[in-house]
Amino acid sequence: VKETPELFDRAAKFIMYSINVTREAKDRILARIRYIFEHRSSFAYSKLTLLRVTMNRLFNTKVFSKDEDAEKEYICSTFVSEVFSFANVNLFKRGFIPSPDDYKRNRFLKYEFRGSLKNFIAR
């Protein structure tokens, strides 16, 4: 799904982080995103991964890992992790299923903004 600000309610709340990467890594990230978009019919939302993230959070553990057979199935947090990993920017260890909260604690990411889309656009 290609998401743009116009698709969201202006009251939608989010948190934004940044990370410094090399030009080469940025180019690889963008190339991977283009590839996935161009071949979007081959990729899917993973309800199983969502269940695994939920179970990990519910039991406050990291028992469940990413299913290697589901390499073209994502939820938002695994999509971001995989795209960065493709560019050799490993935000998490291999096989780890990150939840949105895992990004908050990631030492490589810099907090930039928290609030509504309306307030972000007004900045």
N, C-alpha and C. Protein backbone atom coordinates (compact mmCIF):
# COMPACT_ATOMS: atom_id res chain seq x y z
N VAL A 1 0.85 -1.17 0.00
CA VAL A 1 0.00 0.00 0.00
C VAL A 1 0.90 1.23 0.00
N LYS A 2 0.66 2.11 -0.91
CA LYS A 2 1.40 3.37 -0.94
C LYS A 2 0.61 4.37 -0.10
N GLU A 3 1.20 4.77 1.02
CA GLU A 3 0.54 5.68 1.94
C GLU A 3 1.09 7.08 1.77
N THR A 4 0.19 8.03 1.66
CA THR A 4 0.56 9.44 1.56
C THR A 4 -0.24 10.21 2.61
N PRO A 5 0.22 11.40 2.99
CA PRO A 5 -0.50 12.17 4.02
C PRO A 5 -1.97 12.41 3.68
N GLU A 6 -2.29 12.50 2.40
CA GLU A 6 -3.68 12.76 2.00
C GLU A 6 -4.62 11.62 2.38
N LEU A 7 -4.09 10.43 2.57
CA LEU A 7 -4.92 9.26 2.91
C LEU A 7 -5.31 9.22 4.38
N PHE A 8 -4.65 10.01 5.21
CA PHE A 8 -4.87 9.95 6.65
C PHE A 8 -5.73 11.10 7.15
N ASP A 9 -6.44 10.84 8.20
CA ASP A 9 -7.19 11.86 8.92
C ASP A 9 -6.17 12.85 9.48
N ARG A 10 -6.43 14.12 9.39
CA ARG A 10 -5.48 15.15 9.88
C ARG A 10 -5.25 15.04 11.38
N ALA A 11 -6.16 14.38 12.09
CA ALA A 11 -6.01 14.21 13.54
C ALA A 11 -5.19 12.96 13.87
N ALA A 12 -4.82 12.18 12.84
CA ALA A 12 -4.04 10.95 13.07
C ALA A 12 -2.75 11.28 13.79
N LYS A 13 -2.44 10.51 14.81
CA LYS A 13 -1.22 10.75 15.59
C LYS A 13 -0.15 9.75 15.18
N PHE A 14 1.10 10.21 15.23
CA PHE A 14 2.22 9.35 14.87
C PHE A 14 3.50 9.84 15.54
N ILE A 15 4.52 9.00 15.46
CA ILE A 15 5.84 9.37 15.95
C ILE A 15 6.80 9.21 14.77
N MET A 16 7.70 10.17 14.61
CA MET A 16 8.66 10.13 13.51
C MET A 16 10.07 10.02 14.08
N TYR A 17 10.84 9.13 13.46
CA TYR A 17 12.24 8.96 13.81
C TYR A 17 13.08 9.15 12.55
N SER A 18 14.36 9.44 12.75
CA SER A 18 15.28 9.54 11.62
C SER A 18 16.50 8.68 11.92
N ILE A 19 17.25 8.42 10.86
CA ILE A 19 18.51 7.69 11.00
C ILE A 19 19.44 8.19 9.90
N ASN A 20 20.71 8.33 10.23
CA ASN A 20 21.70 8.70 9.24
C ASN A 20 22.19 7.45 8.52
N VAL A 21 22.14 7.49 7.21
CA VAL A 21 22.64 6.37 6.40
C VAL A 21 23.49 6.95 5.26
N THR A 22 24.28 6.10 4.68
CA THR A 22 25.10 6.55 3.55
C THR A 22 24.22 6.76 2.33
N ARG A 23 24.73 7.46 1.34
CA ARG A 23 24.02 7.67 0.08
C ARG A 23 23.71 6.32 -0.57
N GLU A 24 24.69 5.41 -0.52
CA GLU A 24 24.50 4.08 -1.09
C GLU A 24 23.35 3.34 -0.40
N ALA A 25 23.30 3.41 0.92
CA ALA A 25 22.22 2.75 1.66
C ALA A 25 20.87 3.37 1.31
N LYS A 26 20.83 4.70 1.23
CA LYS A 26 19.58 5.38 0.87
C LYS A 26 19.12 4.94 -0.52
N ASP A 27 20.03 4.87 -1.47
CA ASP A 27 19.69 4.43 -2.82
C ASP A 27 19.15 3.00 -2.82
N ARG A 28 19.76 2.12 -2.01
CA ARG A 28 19.30 0.73 -1.93
C ARG A 28 17.91 0.64 -1.28
N ILE A 29 17.68 1.47 -0.26
CA ILE A 29 16.36 1.50 0.39
C ILE A 29 15.30 1.93 -0.61
N LEU A 30 15.58 3.00 -1.33
CA LEU A 30 14.60 3.50 -2.31
C LEU A 30 14.39 2.50 -3.44
N ALA A 31 15.46 1.84 -3.88
CA ALA A 31 15.34 0.82 -4.93
C ALA A 31 14.47 -0.35 -4.45
N ARG A 32 14.66 -0.75 -3.18
CA ARG A 32 13.86 -1.86 -2.64
C ARG A 32 12.39 -1.47 -2.55
N ILE A 33 12.12 -0.27 -2.12
CA ILE A 33 10.73 0.20 -2.03
C ILE A 33 10.10 0.23 -3.43
N ARG A 34 10.84 0.74 -4.41
CA ARG A 34 10.33 0.75 -5.80
C ARG A 34 10.05 -0.66 -6.29
N TYR A 35 10.98 -1.58 -6.01
CA TYR A 35 10.81 -2.98 -6.44
C TYR A 35 9.55 -3.58 -5.82
N ILE A 36 9.37 -3.39 -4.53
CA ILE A 36 8.18 -3.93 -3.85
C ILE A 36 6.92 -3.30 -4.42
N PHE A 37 6.95 -2.00 -4.66
CA PHE A 37 5.77 -1.34 -5.24
C PHE A 37 5.47 -1.87 -6.63
N GLU A 38 6.50 -2.02 -7.45
CA GLU A 38 6.30 -2.52 -8.82
C GLU A 38 5.83 -3.97 -8.85
N HIS A 39 6.16 -4.74 -7.83
CA HIS A 39 5.78 -6.16 -7.75
C HIS A 39 4.80 -6.39 -6.60
N ARG A 40 3.99 -5.38 -6.31
CA ARG A 40 3.11 -5.42 -5.14
C ARG A 40 2.16 -6.61 -5.10
N SER A 41 1.82 -7.16 -6.25
CA SER A 41 0.92 -8.33 -6.25
C SER A 41 1.61 -9.57 -5.67
N SER A 42 2.93 -9.54 -5.57
CA SER A 42 3.68 -10.67 -5.01
C SER A 42 3.86 -10.56 -3.50
N PHE A 43 3.48 -9.44 -2.92
CA PHE A 43 3.67 -9.19 -1.50
C PHE A 43 2.31 -9.12 -0.82
N ALA A 44 2.30 -9.42 0.48
CA ALA A 44 1.03 -9.45 1.20
C ALA A 44 1.20 -8.98 2.64
N TYR A 45 0.07 -8.58 3.21
CA TYR A 45 0.02 -8.27 4.64
C TYR A 45 0.01 -9.60 5.37
N SER A 46 0.78 -9.73 6.43
CA SER A 46 0.91 -11.00 7.13
C SER A 46 0.13 -11.02 8.44
N LYS A 47 -1.01 -11.66 8.43
CA LYS A 47 -1.79 -11.81 9.66
C LYS A 47 -1.05 -12.69 10.66
N LEU A 48 -0.28 -13.66 10.17
CA LEU A 48 0.49 -14.54 11.05
C LEU A 48 1.58 -13.74 11.78
N THR A 49 2.26 -12.86 11.07
CA THR A 49 3.28 -12.03 11.71
C THR A 49 2.63 -11.11 12.74
N LEU A 50 1.48 -10.55 12.41
CA LEU A 50 0.76 -9.70 13.36
C LEU A 50 0.43 -10.49 14.62
N LEU A 51 -0.01 -11.73 14.46
CA LEU A 51 -0.30 -12.59 15.60
C LEU A 51 0.96 -12.84 16.43
N ARG A 52 2.08 -13.09 15.76
CA ARG A 52 3.34 -13.33 16.48
C ARG A 52 3.77 -12.11 17.27
N VAL A 53 3.66 -10.93 16.69
CA VAL A 53 4.01 -9.69 17.40
C VAL A 53 3.09 -9.53 18.61
N THR A 54 1.81 -9.78 18.41
CA THR A 54 0.84 -9.65 19.50
C THR A 54 1.15 -10.63 20.63
N MET A 55 1.47 -11.86 20.29
CA MET A 55 1.80 -12.87 21.31
C MET A 55 3.08 -12.49 22.04
N ASN A 56 4.08 -12.00 21.32
CA ASN A 56 5.33 -11.57 21.96
C ASN A 56 5.05 -10.46 22.97
N ARG A 57 4.20 -9.51 22.58
CA ARG A 57 3.88 -8.40 23.49
C ARG A 57 3.04 -8.87 24.66
N LEU A 58 2.07 -9.73 24.38
CA LEU A 58 1.17 -10.22 25.42
C LEU A 58 1.94 -10.96 26.51
N PHE A 59 2.90 -11.77 26.11
CA PHE A 59 3.68 -12.54 27.06
C PHE A 59 5.00 -11.87 27.44
N ASN A 60 5.16 -10.62 26.99
CA ASN A 60 6.35 -9.83 27.30
C ASN A 60 7.63 -10.63 27.03
N THR A 61 7.69 -11.20 25.85
CA THR A 61 8.83 -12.03 25.47
C THR A 61 9.05 -11.90 23.97
N LYS A 62 10.09 -12.49 23.47
CA LYS A 62 10.36 -12.52 22.03
C LYS A 62 10.48 -13.97 21.59
N VAL A 63 9.47 -14.77 21.96
CA VAL A 63 9.46 -16.19 21.65
C VAL A 63 9.33 -16.44 20.15
N PHE A 64 8.43 -15.72 19.53
CA PHE A 64 8.16 -15.95 18.12
C PHE A 64 9.09 -15.12 17.25
N SER A 65 9.64 -15.74 16.22
CA SER A 65 10.50 -15.02 15.28
C SER A 65 9.85 -15.04 13.90
N LYS A 66 10.46 -14.31 12.98
CA LYS A 66 9.92 -14.22 11.62
C LYS A 66 10.00 -15.57 10.93
N ASP A 67 8.94 -15.91 10.24
CA ASP A 67 8.88 -17.17 9.49
C ASP A 67 9.61 -16.97 8.17
N GLU A 68 10.68 -17.70 7.96
CA GLU A 68 11.48 -17.54 6.74
C GLU A 68 10.66 -17.86 5.48
N ASP A 69 9.61 -18.67 5.61
CA ASP A 69 8.76 -18.98 4.46
C ASP A 69 7.87 -17.81 4.08
N ALA A 70 7.75 -16.84 4.98
CA ALA A 70 6.88 -15.69 4.74
C ALA A 70 7.70 -14.45 4.40
N GLU A 71 8.73 -14.61 3.57
CA GLU A 71 9.63 -13.49 3.29
C GLU A 71 8.99 -12.38 2.49
N LYS A 72 7.85 -12.63 1.87
CA LYS A 72 7.17 -11.57 1.12
C LYS A 72 5.87 -11.16 1.80
N GLU A 73 5.78 -11.43 3.08
CA GLU A 73 4.62 -11.04 3.86
C GLU A 73 5.08 -10.15 5.01
N TYR A 74 4.40 -9.02 5.16
CA TYR A 74 4.84 -8.02 6.13
C TYR A 74 3.68 -7.46 6.94
N ILE A 75 4.05 -6.87 8.06
CA ILE A 75 3.24 -5.86 8.73
C ILE A 75 4.12 -4.61 8.68
N CYS A 76 3.60 -3.47 9.03
CA CYS A 76 4.36 -2.22 8.87
C CYS A 76 5.74 -2.27 9.50
N SER A 77 5.81 -2.74 10.74
CA SER A 77 7.10 -2.72 11.44
C SER A 77 8.11 -3.68 10.81
N THR A 78 7.66 -4.80 10.26
CA THR A 78 8.61 -5.73 9.62
C THR A 78 9.00 -5.23 8.23
N PHE A 79 8.10 -4.52 7.57
CA PHE A 79 8.42 -3.94 6.26
C PHE A 79 9.58 -2.95 6.39
N VAL A 80 9.47 -2.05 7.36
CA VAL A 80 10.52 -1.04 7.56
C VAL A 80 11.85 -1.72 7.89
N SER A 81 11.81 -2.68 8.80
CA SER A 81 13.02 -3.39 9.18
C SER A 81 13.65 -4.10 7.98
N GLU A 82 12.85 -4.76 7.16
CA GLU A 82 13.37 -5.50 6.01
C GLU A 82 13.96 -4.57 4.97
N VAL A 83 13.31 -3.45 4.71
CA VAL A 83 13.81 -2.50 3.71
C VAL A 83 15.18 -1.96 4.14
N PHE A 84 15.33 -1.64 5.41
CA PHE A 84 16.62 -1.16 5.90
C PHE A 84 17.65 -2.29 5.87
N SER A 85 17.25 -3.49 6.25
CA SER A 85 18.16 -4.63 6.24
C SER A 85 18.68 -4.91 4.82
N PHE A 86 17.83 -4.73 3.82
CA PHE A 86 18.22 -4.91 2.42
C PHE A 86 19.38 -3.99 2.06
N ALA A 87 19.43 -2.84 2.72
CA ALA A 87 20.50 -1.86 2.47
C ALA A 87 21.66 -2.02 3.46
N ASN A 88 21.70 -3.15 4.15
CA ASN A 88 22.73 -3.43 5.15
C ASN A 88 22.71 -2.45 6.32
N VAL A 89 21.53 -1.94 6.62
CA VAL A 89 21.32 -1.12 7.81
C VAL A 89 20.42 -1.97 8.72
N ASN A 90 21.05 -2.69 9.62
CA ASN A 90 20.31 -3.63 10.46
C ASN A 90 19.84 -2.97 11.74
N LEU A 91 18.56 -2.66 11.77
CA LEU A 91 17.97 -2.03 12.94
C LEU A 91 17.76 -3.05 14.06
N PHE A 92 17.56 -4.31 13.69
CA PHE A 92 17.31 -5.39 14.64
C PHE A 92 18.07 -6.63 14.20
N LYS A 93 18.24 -7.58 15.11
CA LYS A 93 18.93 -8.81 14.74
C LYS A 93 18.07 -9.62 13.76
N ARG A 94 18.73 -10.40 12.94
CA ARG A 94 18.08 -11.19 11.90
C ARG A 94 17.03 -12.12 12.50
N GLY A 95 15.85 -12.15 11.88
CA GLY A 95 14.78 -13.02 12.32
C GLY A 95 13.88 -12.41 13.38
N PHE A 96 14.31 -11.28 13.96
CA PHE A 96 13.53 -10.61 15.00
C PHE A 96 12.31 -9.96 14.38
N ILE A 97 11.15 -10.10 15.00
CA ILE A 97 9.93 -9.45 14.53
C ILE A 97 9.73 -8.18 15.36
N PRO A 98 10.05 -7.02 14.80
CA PRO A 98 9.90 -5.79 15.59
C PRO A 98 8.44 -5.36 15.67
N SER A 99 8.07 -4.86 16.83
CA SER A 99 6.77 -4.23 17.01
C SER A 99 7.01 -2.72 16.90
N PRO A 100 5.96 -1.93 16.77
CA PRO A 100 6.17 -0.47 16.75
C PRO A 100 6.92 0.03 17.99
N ASP A 101 6.67 -0.58 19.14
CA ASP A 101 7.37 -0.15 20.36
C ASP A 101 8.86 -0.42 20.30
N ASP A 102 9.28 -1.43 19.56
CA ASP A 102 10.71 -1.73 19.44
C ASP A 102 11.46 -0.59 18.76
N TYR A 103 10.79 0.15 17.90
CA TYR A 103 11.43 1.29 17.25
C TYR A 103 11.70 2.40 18.25
N LYS A 104 10.82 2.55 19.24
CA LYS A 104 11.01 3.58 20.27
C LYS A 104 12.30 3.35 21.05
N ARG A 105 12.65 2.09 21.25
CA ARG A 105 13.82 1.75 22.06
C ARG A 105 15.09 1.52 21.22
N ASN A 106 14.98 1.69 19.92
CA ASN A 106 16.12 1.40 19.05
C ASN A 106 17.17 2.51 19.18
N ARG A 107 18.39 2.11 19.50
CA ARG A 107 19.45 3.10 19.74
C ARG A 107 19.96 3.78 18.48
N PHE A 108 19.63 3.23 17.31
CA PHE A 108 20.09 3.82 16.05
C PHE A 108 19.17 4.94 15.56
N LEU A 109 17.98 5.00 16.10
CA LEU A 109 16.98 5.96 15.62
C LEU A 109 16.93 7.21 16.50
N LYS A 110 16.76 8.35 15.85
CA LYS A 110 16.67 9.62 16.55
C LYS A 110 15.22 10.10 16.52
N TYR A 111 14.68 10.38 17.69
CA TYR A 111 13.32 10.91 17.80
C TYR A 111 13.24 12.28 17.13
N GLU A 112 12.22 12.48 16.30
CA GLU A 112 12.06 13.77 15.60
C GLU A 112 10.75 14.48 15.93
N PHE A 113 9.65 13.74 16.00
CA PHE A 113 8.34 14.40 16.15
C PHE A 113 7.32 13.42 16.70
N ARG A 114 6.41 13.95 17.51
CA ARG A 114 5.25 13.18 17.99
C ARG A 114 4.06 14.13 17.97
N GLY A 115 2.98 13.68 17.39
CA GLY A 115 1.79 14.53 17.36
C GLY A 115 0.88 14.16 16.21
N SER A 116 0.03 15.10 15.86
CA SER A 116 -0.95 14.85 14.80
C SER A 116 -0.37 15.23 13.43
N LEU A 117 -0.94 14.67 12.42
CA LEU A 117 -0.55 14.99 11.06
C LEU A 117 -0.78 16.48 10.80
N LYS A 118 -1.86 17.00 11.31
CA LYS A 118 -2.19 18.43 11.15
C LYS A 118 -1.07 19.30 11.72
N ASN A 119 -0.60 18.97 12.93
CA ASN A 119 0.48 19.77 13.55
C ASN A 119 1.81 19.59 12.81
N PHE A 120 2.05 18.41 12.30
CA PHE A 120 3.29 18.17 11.56
C PHE A 120 3.31 19.00 10.28
N ILE A 121 2.22 19.01 9.55
CA ILE A 121 2.14 19.77 8.29
C ILE A 121 2.27 21.26 8.56
N ALA A 122 1.76 21.71 9.69
CA ALA A 122 1.79 23.14 10.03
C ALA A 122 3.18 23.62 10.43
N ARG A 123 4.12 22.68 10.72
CA ARG A 123 5.45 23.07 11.19
C ARG A 123 6.18 23.87 10.17
